[in-house]
Amino acid sequence: MPGDRDFQRRGGLQAYLIAAFAFAYAFVFLGFVRGDPNNHGASALANALLAAAGLSATIATVALASRVGGAAGLWLAAVGVGWGLLSAAHGASGAIADWQGVNVPPLSPTDPRGFITFGVAGLWTLTAGLQMRAATAFPRNLAILTIVAGANSIVLFVATVLGSGELVLVTGGLAAIVLGPAFWIWTGRTLRG
């Protein structure tokens, strides 16, 4: 899988957008939705931000994968596009339901308990970090941050399945406000450099 510098630069821009969407999602969700689950307008906005991040991820993950290269790069590209699209479908489904005032079951049919948004994305991020650590095209500390972010997302998925509200709040906050944006900003800078 050859690296295309122009595509990698565009992927870097998308990585920056993912970080911005994550910050905005955290602000809207924690500030307006968590305290008032009936605030359908805010919930629709939060879900739309999740959908936008998923669409941006389809480009950013392939750009990162092209820099990794080889069989690992192909896997990262395929799984990255898959989780990006499924995460976007989850966000779009939620946003449309909130906007139209349609009650949806608590278990999402497009992303049960965050399996894609947290579980598969966490596996992708963890794998990307391990591959980045083995490659010379990435800063070593970025690889370490990526591994930590991936592990955190996997713990977030497990906490969601177990219904541990406190652990979801801690790992979700870390994912949305600290680790996720730091990973995507640094990745964007690396891809654009």
N, C-alpha and C. Protein backbone atom coordinates (compact mmCIF):
# COMPACT_ATOMS: atom_id res chain seq x y z
N MET A 1 0.86 -1.17 0.00
CA MET A 1 0.00 0.00 0.00
C MET A 1 0.90 1.23 0.00
N PRO A 2 1.12 1.83 -1.16
CA PRO A 2 2.05 2.96 -1.23
C PRO A 2 1.50 4.20 -0.55
N GLY A 3 2.39 4.98 0.02
CA GLY A 3 1.99 6.22 0.67
C GLY A 3 1.83 7.33 -0.36
N ASP A 4 0.76 8.06 -0.27
CA ASP A 4 0.48 9.20 -1.14
C ASP A 4 0.54 10.43 -0.25
N ARG A 5 1.57 11.26 -0.42
CA ARG A 5 1.80 12.40 0.47
C ARG A 5 0.62 13.38 0.46
N ASP A 6 0.03 13.63 -0.69
CA ASP A 6 -1.11 14.55 -0.73
C ASP A 6 -2.29 13.98 0.06
N PHE A 7 -2.54 12.68 -0.11
CA PHE A 7 -3.63 12.05 0.63
C PHE A 7 -3.33 12.04 2.12
N GLN A 8 -2.08 11.79 2.48
CA GLN A 8 -1.71 11.80 3.89
C GLN A 8 -1.92 13.19 4.50
N ARG A 9 -1.61 14.23 3.75
CA ARG A 9 -1.85 15.60 4.25
C ARG A 9 -3.35 15.86 4.44
N ARG A 10 -4.16 15.40 3.48
CA ARG A 10 -5.62 15.53 3.65
C ARG A 10 -6.10 14.70 4.83
N GLY A 11 -5.51 13.53 5.00
CA GLY A 11 -5.85 12.71 6.16
C GLY A 11 -5.46 13.39 7.46
N GLY A 12 -4.35 14.14 7.44
CA GLY A 12 -3.94 14.90 8.62
C GLY A 12 -4.96 15.96 8.96
N LEU A 13 -5.51 16.63 7.96
CA LEU A 13 -6.56 17.62 8.19
C LEU A 13 -7.79 16.95 8.81
N GLN A 14 -8.15 15.78 8.30
CA GLN A 14 -9.30 15.05 8.85
C GLN A 14 -9.04 14.63 10.30
N ALA A 15 -7.79 14.29 10.61
CA ALA A 15 -7.44 13.95 12.00
C ALA A 15 -7.67 15.15 12.91
N TYR A 16 -7.29 16.34 12.45
CA TYR A 16 -7.57 17.56 13.23
C TYR A 16 -9.07 17.74 13.44
N LEU A 17 -9.85 17.47 12.39
CA LEU A 17 -11.31 17.61 12.50
C LEU A 17 -11.88 16.61 13.51
N ILE A 18 -11.35 15.40 13.54
CA ILE A 18 -11.83 14.42 14.51
C ILE A 18 -11.62 14.94 15.92
N ALA A 19 -10.45 15.53 16.17
CA ALA A 19 -10.17 16.10 17.50
C ALA A 19 -11.16 17.21 17.83
N ALA A 20 -11.44 18.06 16.86
CA ALA A 20 -12.40 19.16 17.09
C ALA A 20 -13.80 18.61 17.35
N PHE A 21 -14.20 17.60 16.59
CA PHE A 21 -15.51 16.98 16.81
C PHE A 21 -15.58 16.33 18.19
N ALA A 22 -14.48 15.73 18.63
CA ALA A 22 -14.45 15.08 19.95
C ALA A 22 -14.63 16.11 21.06
N PHE A 23 -13.92 17.23 20.96
CA PHE A 23 -14.07 18.30 21.95
C PHE A 23 -15.50 18.82 21.97
N ALA A 24 -16.05 19.07 20.78
CA ALA A 24 -17.41 19.60 20.68
C ALA A 24 -18.42 18.58 21.22
N TYR A 25 -18.22 17.31 20.90
CA TYR A 25 -19.11 16.27 21.40
C TYR A 25 -19.09 16.25 22.93
N ALA A 26 -17.90 16.27 23.51
CA ALA A 26 -17.77 16.24 24.98
C ALA A 26 -18.47 17.44 25.60
N PHE A 27 -18.29 18.61 25.01
CA PHE A 27 -18.92 19.83 25.52
C PHE A 27 -20.45 19.70 25.48
N VAL A 28 -20.98 19.28 24.35
CA VAL A 28 -22.44 19.17 24.19
C VAL A 28 -23.00 18.06 25.07
N PHE A 29 -22.35 16.88 25.04
CA PHE A 29 -22.89 15.76 25.79
C PHE A 29 -22.82 16.02 27.30
N LEU A 30 -21.63 16.39 27.78
CA LEU A 30 -21.48 16.58 29.22
C LEU A 30 -22.21 17.84 29.70
N GLY A 31 -22.26 18.87 28.87
CA GLY A 31 -22.88 20.11 29.29
C GLY A 31 -24.39 20.17 29.15
N PHE A 32 -24.94 19.44 28.18
CA PHE A 32 -26.37 19.60 27.89
C PHE A 32 -27.17 18.31 27.88
N VAL A 33 -26.56 17.19 27.53
CA VAL A 33 -27.31 15.94 27.38
C VAL A 33 -27.29 15.12 28.67
N ARG A 34 -26.13 14.98 29.25
CA ARG A 34 -26.00 14.10 30.43
C ARG A 34 -26.93 14.54 31.55
N GLY A 35 -27.03 15.82 31.81
CA GLY A 35 -27.90 16.31 32.88
C GLY A 35 -29.37 16.38 32.49
N ASP A 36 -29.66 16.34 31.19
CA ASP A 36 -31.05 16.45 30.73
C ASP A 36 -31.24 15.52 29.52
N PRO A 37 -31.46 14.23 29.75
CA PRO A 37 -31.60 13.27 28.65
C PRO A 37 -32.76 13.60 27.69
N ASN A 38 -33.69 14.45 28.13
CA ASN A 38 -34.80 14.82 27.26
C ASN A 38 -34.49 16.01 26.36
N ASN A 39 -33.27 16.52 26.41
CA ASN A 39 -32.86 17.62 25.55
C ASN A 39 -32.51 17.03 24.18
N HIS A 40 -33.54 16.82 23.38
CA HIS A 40 -33.37 16.13 22.10
C HIS A 40 -32.56 16.95 21.10
N GLY A 41 -32.64 18.26 21.16
CA GLY A 41 -31.85 19.09 20.25
C GLY A 41 -30.36 18.92 20.51
N ALA A 42 -29.97 18.97 21.79
CA ALA A 42 -28.56 18.79 22.14
C ALA A 42 -28.10 17.37 21.83
N SER A 43 -28.95 16.40 22.10
CA SER A 43 -28.61 15.01 21.81
C SER A 43 -28.43 14.80 20.30
N ALA A 44 -29.29 15.43 19.51
CA ALA A 44 -29.15 15.34 18.05
C ALA A 44 -27.82 15.93 17.59
N LEU A 45 -27.44 17.07 18.19
CA LEU A 45 -26.16 17.70 17.84
C LEU A 45 -25.00 16.79 18.24
N ALA A 46 -25.04 16.23 19.44
CA ALA A 46 -23.96 15.34 19.89
C ALA A 46 -23.84 14.14 18.95
N ASN A 47 -24.96 13.56 18.57
CA ASN A 47 -24.92 12.43 17.64
C ASN A 47 -24.43 12.83 16.26
N ALA A 48 -24.79 14.01 15.81
CA ALA A 48 -24.30 14.49 14.51
C ALA A 48 -22.78 14.69 14.54
N LEU A 49 -22.26 15.15 15.68
CA LEU A 49 -20.80 15.30 15.82
C LEU A 49 -20.11 13.94 15.79
N LEU A 50 -20.75 12.94 16.39
CA LEU A 50 -20.22 11.58 16.32
C LEU A 50 -20.21 11.08 14.87
N ALA A 51 -21.27 11.37 14.14
CA ALA A 51 -21.33 10.97 12.72
C ALA A 51 -20.24 11.67 11.91
N ALA A 52 -20.04 12.95 12.15
CA ALA A 52 -19.01 13.70 11.42
C ALA A 52 -17.62 13.15 11.72
N ALA A 53 -17.36 12.83 12.98
CA ALA A 53 -16.07 12.26 13.34
C ALA A 53 -15.86 10.91 12.65
N GLY A 54 -16.92 10.11 12.58
CA GLY A 54 -16.81 8.82 11.91
C GLY A 54 -16.48 8.97 10.43
N LEU A 55 -17.11 9.93 9.78
CA LEU A 55 -16.80 10.15 8.36
C LEU A 55 -15.37 10.64 8.17
N SER A 56 -14.92 11.54 9.04
CA SER A 56 -13.53 12.01 8.96
C SER A 56 -12.56 10.86 9.22
N ALA A 57 -12.94 9.94 10.10
CA ALA A 57 -12.07 8.81 10.42
C ALA A 57 -11.83 7.92 9.22
N THR A 58 -12.78 7.86 8.29
CA THR A 58 -12.58 7.00 7.12
C THR A 58 -11.38 7.46 6.30
N ILE A 59 -11.11 8.74 6.32
CA ILE A 59 -9.97 9.28 5.56
C ILE A 59 -8.70 9.25 6.43
N ALA A 60 -8.81 9.70 7.66
CA ALA A 60 -7.63 9.77 8.54
C ALA A 60 -7.03 8.39 8.80
N THR A 61 -7.89 7.37 8.98
CA THR A 61 -7.36 6.04 9.27
C THR A 61 -6.62 5.46 8.06
N VAL A 62 -7.11 5.73 6.87
CA VAL A 62 -6.44 5.23 5.66
C VAL A 62 -5.12 5.97 5.46
N ALA A 63 -5.09 7.26 5.75
CA ALA A 63 -3.85 8.02 5.62
C ALA A 63 -2.79 7.49 6.58
N LEU A 64 -3.20 7.23 7.82
CA LEU A 64 -2.26 6.66 8.79
C LEU A 64 -1.82 5.28 8.34
N ALA A 65 -2.77 4.47 7.87
CA ALA A 65 -2.45 3.11 7.43
C ALA A 65 -1.49 3.11 6.26
N SER A 66 -1.62 4.09 5.37
CA SER A 66 -0.71 4.14 4.22
C SER A 66 0.72 4.45 4.66
N ARG A 67 0.86 5.17 5.75
CA ARG A 67 2.20 5.44 6.28
C ARG A 67 2.77 4.20 6.97
N VAL A 68 1.90 3.37 7.58
CA VAL A 68 2.36 2.12 8.20
C VAL A 68 2.79 1.15 7.10
N GLY A 69 1.95 1.00 6.07
CA GLY A 69 2.27 0.15 4.93
C GLY A 69 2.13 -1.34 5.22
N GLY A 70 2.35 -2.13 4.19
CA GLY A 70 2.34 -3.58 4.29
C GLY A 70 0.98 -4.16 4.65
N ALA A 71 1.02 -5.42 5.11
CA ALA A 71 -0.22 -6.11 5.48
C ALA A 71 -0.90 -5.41 6.65
N ALA A 72 -0.11 -4.92 7.60
CA ALA A 72 -0.69 -4.20 8.75
C ALA A 72 -1.41 -2.95 8.28
N GLY A 73 -0.84 -2.26 7.31
CA GLY A 73 -1.48 -1.06 6.77
C GLY A 73 -2.80 -1.39 6.08
N LEU A 74 -2.83 -2.50 5.36
CA LEU A 74 -4.09 -2.90 4.70
C LEU A 74 -5.15 -3.20 5.75
N TRP A 75 -4.78 -3.92 6.81
CA TRP A 75 -5.73 -4.23 7.88
C TRP A 75 -6.21 -2.95 8.54
N LEU A 76 -5.28 -2.05 8.86
CA LEU A 76 -5.66 -0.79 9.50
C LEU A 76 -6.59 0.02 8.62
N ALA A 77 -6.33 0.03 7.30
CA ALA A 77 -7.20 0.77 6.38
C ALA A 77 -8.60 0.17 6.35
N ALA A 78 -8.67 -1.15 6.18
CA ALA A 78 -9.98 -1.81 6.07
C ALA A 78 -10.80 -1.65 7.35
N VAL A 79 -10.18 -1.94 8.49
CA VAL A 79 -10.90 -1.85 9.75
C VAL A 79 -11.21 -0.39 10.09
N GLY A 80 -10.28 0.52 9.78
CA GLY A 80 -10.51 1.94 10.05
C GLY A 80 -11.70 2.49 9.27
N VAL A 81 -11.79 2.15 8.00
CA VAL A 81 -12.94 2.59 7.20
C VAL A 81 -14.21 1.95 7.73
N GLY A 82 -14.14 0.67 8.08
CA GLY A 82 -15.31 -0.01 8.61
C GLY A 82 -15.82 0.63 9.88
N TRP A 83 -14.94 0.84 10.87
CA TRP A 83 -15.44 1.42 12.12
C TRP A 83 -15.84 2.87 11.93
N GLY A 84 -15.15 3.58 11.04
CA GLY A 84 -15.55 4.97 10.78
C GLY A 84 -16.96 5.05 10.22
N LEU A 85 -17.26 4.20 9.24
CA LEU A 85 -18.60 4.22 8.64
C LEU A 85 -19.67 3.74 9.61
N LEU A 86 -19.37 2.70 10.37
CA LEU A 86 -20.36 2.20 11.33
C LEU A 86 -20.57 3.19 12.47
N SER A 87 -19.52 3.86 12.89
CA SER A 87 -19.65 4.90 13.91
C SER A 87 -20.47 6.07 13.37
N ALA A 88 -20.23 6.42 12.10
CA ALA A 88 -21.02 7.49 11.47
C ALA A 88 -22.48 7.08 11.37
N ALA A 89 -22.74 5.81 11.04
CA ALA A 89 -24.13 5.34 10.97
C ALA A 89 -24.78 5.40 12.34
N HIS A 90 -24.04 5.05 13.39
CA HIS A 90 -24.55 5.13 14.76
C HIS A 90 -24.93 6.58 15.09
N GLY A 91 -24.01 7.51 14.80
CA GLY A 91 -24.29 8.92 15.09
C GLY A 91 -25.43 9.47 14.26
N ALA A 92 -25.45 9.15 12.98
CA ALA A 92 -26.52 9.64 12.10
C ALA A 92 -27.87 9.08 12.52
N SER A 93 -27.91 7.81 12.87
CA SER A 93 -29.15 7.18 13.32
C SER A 93 -29.68 7.88 14.58
N GLY A 94 -28.78 8.11 15.53
CA GLY A 94 -29.18 8.80 16.76
C GLY A 94 -29.62 10.23 16.52
N ALA A 95 -28.88 10.94 15.66
CA ALA A 95 -29.22 12.34 15.37
C ALA A 95 -30.59 12.45 14.70
N ILE A 96 -30.84 11.59 13.73
CA ILE A 96 -32.12 11.62 13.02
C ILE A 96 -33.27 11.28 13.97
N ALA A 97 -33.06 10.25 14.80
CA ALA A 97 -34.11 9.86 15.75
C ALA A 97 -34.40 11.00 16.73
N ASP A 98 -33.34 11.64 17.26
CA ASP A 98 -33.54 12.76 18.18
C ASP A 98 -34.23 13.92 17.48
N TRP A 99 -33.80 14.24 16.29
CA TRP A 99 -34.36 15.37 15.55
C TRP A 99 -35.84 15.17 15.27
N GLN A 100 -36.21 13.92 14.94
CA GLN A 100 -37.60 13.62 14.61
C GLN A 100 -38.43 13.26 15.84
N GLY A 101 -37.79 13.21 17.00
CA GLY A 101 -38.51 12.87 18.22
C GLY A 101 -38.95 11.42 18.28
N VAL A 102 -38.23 10.55 17.62
CA VAL A 102 -38.55 9.13 17.59
C VAL A 102 -37.83 8.45 18.75
N ASN A 103 -38.57 7.68 19.53
CA ASN A 103 -37.95 6.92 20.62
C ASN A 103 -37.26 5.71 20.03
N VAL A 104 -36.00 5.54 20.40
CA VAL A 104 -35.25 4.38 19.95
C VAL A 104 -34.94 3.50 21.15
N PRO A 105 -34.77 2.22 20.92
CA PRO A 105 -34.45 1.35 22.05
C PRO A 105 -33.10 1.72 22.65
N PRO A 106 -32.92 1.48 23.95
CA PRO A 106 -31.65 1.84 24.58
C PRO A 106 -30.46 1.08 24.01
N LEU A 107 -30.69 -0.08 23.43
CA LEU A 107 -29.61 -0.83 22.80
C LEU A 107 -29.62 -0.49 21.31
N SER A 108 -28.59 0.24 20.88
CA SER A 108 -28.52 0.71 19.49
C SER A 108 -28.38 -0.47 18.53
N PRO A 109 -29.23 -0.53 17.50
CA PRO A 109 -29.09 -1.60 16.52
C PRO A 109 -27.88 -1.39 15.61
N THR A 110 -27.38 -0.16 15.51
CA THR A 110 -26.23 0.11 14.64
C THR A 110 -24.90 0.02 15.38
N ASP A 111 -24.93 0.06 16.71
CA ASP A 111 -23.68 0.02 17.48
C ASP A 111 -23.98 -0.45 18.90
N PRO A 112 -24.32 -1.74 19.07
CA PRO A 112 -24.73 -2.21 20.39
C PRO A 112 -23.67 -1.98 21.46
N ARG A 113 -24.05 -1.18 22.46
CA ARG A 113 -23.21 -0.85 23.61
C ARG A 113 -21.85 -0.29 23.21
N GLY A 114 -21.79 0.39 22.07
CA GLY A 114 -20.54 0.99 21.63
C GLY A 114 -19.53 -0.01 21.10
N PHE A 115 -20.00 -1.17 20.65
CA PHE A 115 -19.09 -2.20 20.14
C PHE A 115 -18.17 -1.64 19.06
N ILE A 116 -18.73 -0.86 18.14
CA ILE A 116 -17.92 -0.29 17.06
C ILE A 116 -17.20 0.96 17.55
N THR A 117 -17.96 1.91 18.10
CA THR A 117 -17.43 3.22 18.47
C THR A 117 -16.32 3.12 19.51
N PHE A 118 -16.43 2.17 20.44
CA PHE A 118 -15.40 2.04 21.47
C PHE A 118 -14.58 0.76 21.31
N GLY A 119 -15.23 -0.38 21.15
CA GLY A 119 -14.53 -1.66 21.10
C GLY A 119 -13.66 -1.83 19.88
N VAL A 120 -14.25 -1.75 18.70
CA VAL A 120 -13.48 -1.93 17.47
C VAL A 120 -12.52 -0.75 17.26
N ALA A 121 -12.99 0.45 17.55
CA ALA A 121 -12.09 1.61 17.44
C ALA A 121 -10.92 1.47 18.40
N GLY A 122 -11.17 0.94 19.60
CA GLY A 122 -10.08 0.73 20.55
C GLY A 122 -9.09 -0.31 20.06
N LEU A 123 -9.61 -1.41 19.49
CA LEU A 123 -8.74 -2.43 18.92
C LEU A 123 -7.91 -1.85 17.78
N TRP A 124 -8.56 -1.05 16.92
CA TRP A 124 -7.84 -0.41 15.81
C TRP A 124 -6.74 0.50 16.35
N THR A 125 -7.07 1.32 17.34
CA THR A 125 -6.11 2.27 17.88
C THR A 125 -4.95 1.55 18.56
N LEU A 126 -5.25 0.53 19.33
CA LEU A 126 -4.21 -0.25 19.99
C LEU A 126 -3.28 -0.88 18.95
N THR A 127 -3.85 -1.49 17.92
CA THR A 127 -3.06 -2.11 16.85
C THR A 127 -2.24 -1.06 16.12
N ALA A 128 -2.85 0.09 15.82
CA ALA A 128 -2.11 1.17 15.16
C ALA A 128 -0.92 1.60 16.00
N GLY A 129 -1.12 1.73 17.31
CA GLY A 129 -0.02 2.12 18.19
C GLY A 129 1.11 1.11 18.18
N LEU A 130 0.77 -0.17 18.20
CA LEU A 130 1.80 -1.20 18.17
C LEU A 130 2.56 -1.15 16.84
N GLN A 131 1.85 -0.94 15.75
CA GLN A 131 2.50 -0.84 14.44
C GLN A 131 3.34 0.43 14.33
N MET A 132 2.84 1.52 14.90
CA MET A 132 3.58 2.78 14.87
C MET A 132 4.87 2.65 15.68
N ARG A 133 4.81 1.89 16.77
CA ARG A 133 6.00 1.71 17.60
C ARG A 133 7.08 0.96 16.84
N ALA A 134 6.66 0.05 15.96
CA ALA A 134 7.62 -0.73 15.19
C ALA A 134 8.14 0.03 13.96
N ALA A 135 7.45 1.07 13.56
CA ALA A 135 7.83 1.82 12.35
C ALA A 135 8.72 3.01 12.73
N THR A 136 9.47 3.49 11.75
CA THR A 136 10.31 4.66 11.99
C THR A 136 9.64 5.95 11.53
N ALA A 137 8.47 5.84 10.90
CA ALA A 137 7.79 7.00 10.33
C ALA A 137 6.94 7.76 11.35
N PHE A 138 6.95 7.30 12.61
CA PHE A 138 6.13 7.93 13.65
C PHE A 138 6.99 8.21 14.88
N PRO A 139 6.70 9.31 15.57
CA PRO A 139 7.40 9.57 16.83
C PRO A 139 7.10 8.48 17.86
N ARG A 140 8.09 8.06 18.60
CA ARG A 140 7.92 6.97 19.58
C ARG A 140 6.86 7.33 20.62
N ASN A 141 6.85 8.56 21.10
CA ASN A 141 5.87 8.96 22.11
C ASN A 141 4.45 8.97 21.56
N LEU A 142 4.29 9.24 20.27
CA LEU A 142 2.97 9.16 19.66
C LEU A 142 2.50 7.71 19.67
N ALA A 143 3.39 6.77 19.40
CA ALA A 143 3.02 5.36 19.44
C ALA A 143 2.57 4.96 20.84
N ILE A 144 3.26 5.43 21.86
CA ILE A 144 2.88 5.11 23.24
C ILE A 144 1.52 5.70 23.57
N LEU A 145 1.31 6.97 23.21
CA LEU A 145 0.01 7.61 23.43
C LEU A 145 -1.10 6.83 22.72
N THR A 146 -0.82 6.36 21.52
CA THR A 146 -1.82 5.63 20.74
C THR A 146 -2.18 4.31 21.42
N ILE A 147 -1.19 3.62 21.94
CA ILE A 147 -1.45 2.36 22.67
C ILE A 147 -2.31 2.63 23.89
N VAL A 148 -1.98 3.67 24.65
CA VAL A 148 -2.76 4.01 25.85
C VAL A 148 -4.20 4.39 25.46
N ALA A 149 -4.35 5.19 24.38
CA ALA A 149 -5.69 5.59 23.93
C ALA A 149 -6.50 4.38 23.50
N GLY A 150 -5.87 3.43 22.81
CA GLY A 150 -6.57 2.22 22.38
C GLY A 150 -7.01 1.38 23.56
N ALA A 151 -6.12 1.20 24.53
CA ALA A 151 -6.48 0.42 25.73
C ALA A 151 -7.61 1.10 26.49
N ASN A 152 -7.58 2.44 26.59
CA ASN A 152 -8.63 3.18 27.27
C ASN A 152 -9.98 2.97 26.57
N SER A 153 -10.01 2.98 25.25
CA SER A 153 -11.26 2.78 24.52
C SER A 153 -11.81 1.38 24.74
N ILE A 154 -10.93 0.39 24.81
CA ILE A 154 -11.39 -0.98 25.07
C ILE A 154 -11.98 -1.07 26.47
N VAL A 155 -11.33 -0.44 27.45
CA VAL A 155 -11.88 -0.42 28.82
C VAL A 155 -13.22 0.31 28.84
N LEU A 156 -13.35 1.39 28.06
CA LEU A 156 -14.61 2.11 27.96
C LEU A 156 -15.72 1.21 27.43
N PHE A 157 -15.41 0.41 26.42
CA PHE A 157 -16.41 -0.53 25.89
C PHE A 157 -16.82 -1.53 26.96
N VAL A 158 -15.85 -2.11 27.66
CA VAL A 158 -16.15 -3.09 28.72
C VAL A 158 -16.99 -2.43 29.81
N ALA A 159 -16.63 -1.22 30.21
CA ALA A 159 -17.39 -0.49 31.23
C ALA A 159 -18.82 -0.24 30.78
N THR A 160 -18.99 0.05 29.49
CA THR A 160 -20.33 0.28 28.94
C THR A 160 -21.15 -1.01 29.02
N VAL A 161 -20.55 -2.12 28.63
CA VAL A 161 -21.25 -3.41 28.67
C VAL A 161 -21.63 -3.76 30.11
N LEU A 162 -20.71 -3.50 31.05
CA LEU A 162 -20.98 -3.82 32.45
C LEU A 162 -21.91 -2.83 33.13
N GLY A 163 -22.15 -1.69 32.48
CA GLY A 163 -23.03 -0.67 33.04
C GLY A 163 -22.41 0.08 34.21
N SER A 164 -21.10 0.20 34.21
CA SER A 164 -20.39 0.91 35.27
C SER A 164 -20.33 2.39 34.94
N GLY A 165 -21.31 3.15 35.46
CA GLY A 165 -21.42 4.56 35.14
C GLY A 165 -20.19 5.37 35.47
N GLU A 166 -19.58 5.10 36.62
CA GLU A 166 -18.39 5.85 37.03
C GLU A 166 -17.22 5.58 36.09
N LEU A 167 -16.99 4.30 35.77
CA LEU A 167 -15.88 3.95 34.88
C LEU A 167 -16.14 4.47 33.46
N VAL A 168 -17.39 4.46 33.03
CA VAL A 168 -17.73 5.03 31.72
C VAL A 168 -17.42 6.52 31.71
N LEU A 169 -17.78 7.21 32.77
CA LEU A 169 -17.53 8.65 32.84
C LEU A 169 -16.03 8.95 32.80
N VAL A 170 -15.23 8.20 33.54
CA VAL A 170 -13.78 8.44 33.58
C VAL A 170 -13.14 8.10 32.25
N THR A 171 -13.37 6.87 31.75
CA THR A 171 -12.73 6.47 30.49
C THR A 171 -13.30 7.23 29.30
N GLY A 172 -14.60 7.53 29.34
CA GLY A 172 -15.21 8.32 28.26
C GLY A 172 -14.68 9.74 28.25
N GLY A 173 -14.52 10.33 29.43
CA GLY A 173 -13.94 11.67 29.52
C GLY A 173 -12.52 11.69 29.01
N LEU A 174 -11.73 10.70 29.40
CA LEU A 174 -10.35 10.61 28.91
C LEU A 174 -10.33 10.46 27.39
N ALA A 175 -11.22 9.61 26.86
CA ALA A 175 -11.26 9.38 25.42
C ALA A 175 -11.66 10.63 24.66
N ALA A 176 -12.68 11.34 25.16
CA ALA A 176 -13.23 12.48 24.41
C ALA A 176 -12.46 13.77 24.63
N ILE A 177 -11.86 13.94 25.82
CA ILE A 177 -11.26 15.23 26.14
C ILE A 177 -9.74 15.21 26.12
N VAL A 178 -9.13 14.06 26.43
CA VAL A 178 -7.67 14.02 26.56
C VAL A 178 -7.02 13.12 25.50
N LEU A 179 -7.19 11.82 25.65
CA LEU A 179 -6.44 10.87 24.83
C LEU A 179 -6.81 10.91 23.35
N GLY A 180 -8.12 10.88 23.07
CA GLY A 180 -8.56 10.91 21.67
C GLY A 180 -8.08 12.16 20.93
N PRO A 181 -8.40 13.36 21.45
CA PRO A 181 -7.93 14.56 20.76
C PRO A 181 -6.41 14.65 20.67
N ALA A 182 -5.71 14.26 21.74
CA ALA A 182 -4.24 14.32 21.69
C ALA A 182 -3.71 13.39 20.60
N PHE A 183 -4.28 12.18 20.52
CA PHE A 183 -3.87 11.24 19.47
C PHE A 183 -4.13 11.82 18.08
N TRP A 184 -5.35 12.34 17.87
CA TRP A 184 -5.69 12.81 16.53
C TRP A 184 -4.93 14.08 16.15
N ILE A 185 -4.72 14.97 17.11
CA ILE A 185 -3.96 16.19 16.80
C ILE A 185 -2.51 15.84 16.43
N TRP A 186 -1.90 14.99 17.24
CA TRP A 186 -0.52 14.60 16.97
C TRP A 186 -0.41 13.80 15.68
N THR A 187 -1.39 12.93 15.42
CA THR A 187 -1.42 12.18 14.18
C THR A 187 -1.59 13.12 13.00
N GLY A 188 -2.47 14.10 13.13
CA GLY A 188 -2.66 15.08 12.06
C GLY A 188 -1.38 15.83 11.76
N ARG A 189 -0.71 16.22 12.81
CA ARG A 189 0.58 16.94 12.64
C ARG A 189 1.61 16.05 11.95
N THR A 190 1.66 14.77 12.34
CA THR A 190 2.61 13.84 11.75
C THR A 190 2.29 13.60 10.29
N LEU A 191 1.01 13.40 9.97
CA LEU A 191 0.63 13.13 8.58
C LEU A 191 0.82 14.35 7.69
N ARG A 192 0.67 15.55 8.24
CA ARG A 192 0.81 16.76 7.43
C ARG A 192 2.27 17.19 7.31
N GLY A 193 3.13 16.65 8.18
CA GLY A 193 4.56 17.05 8.20
C GLY A 193 5.39 16.44 7.12
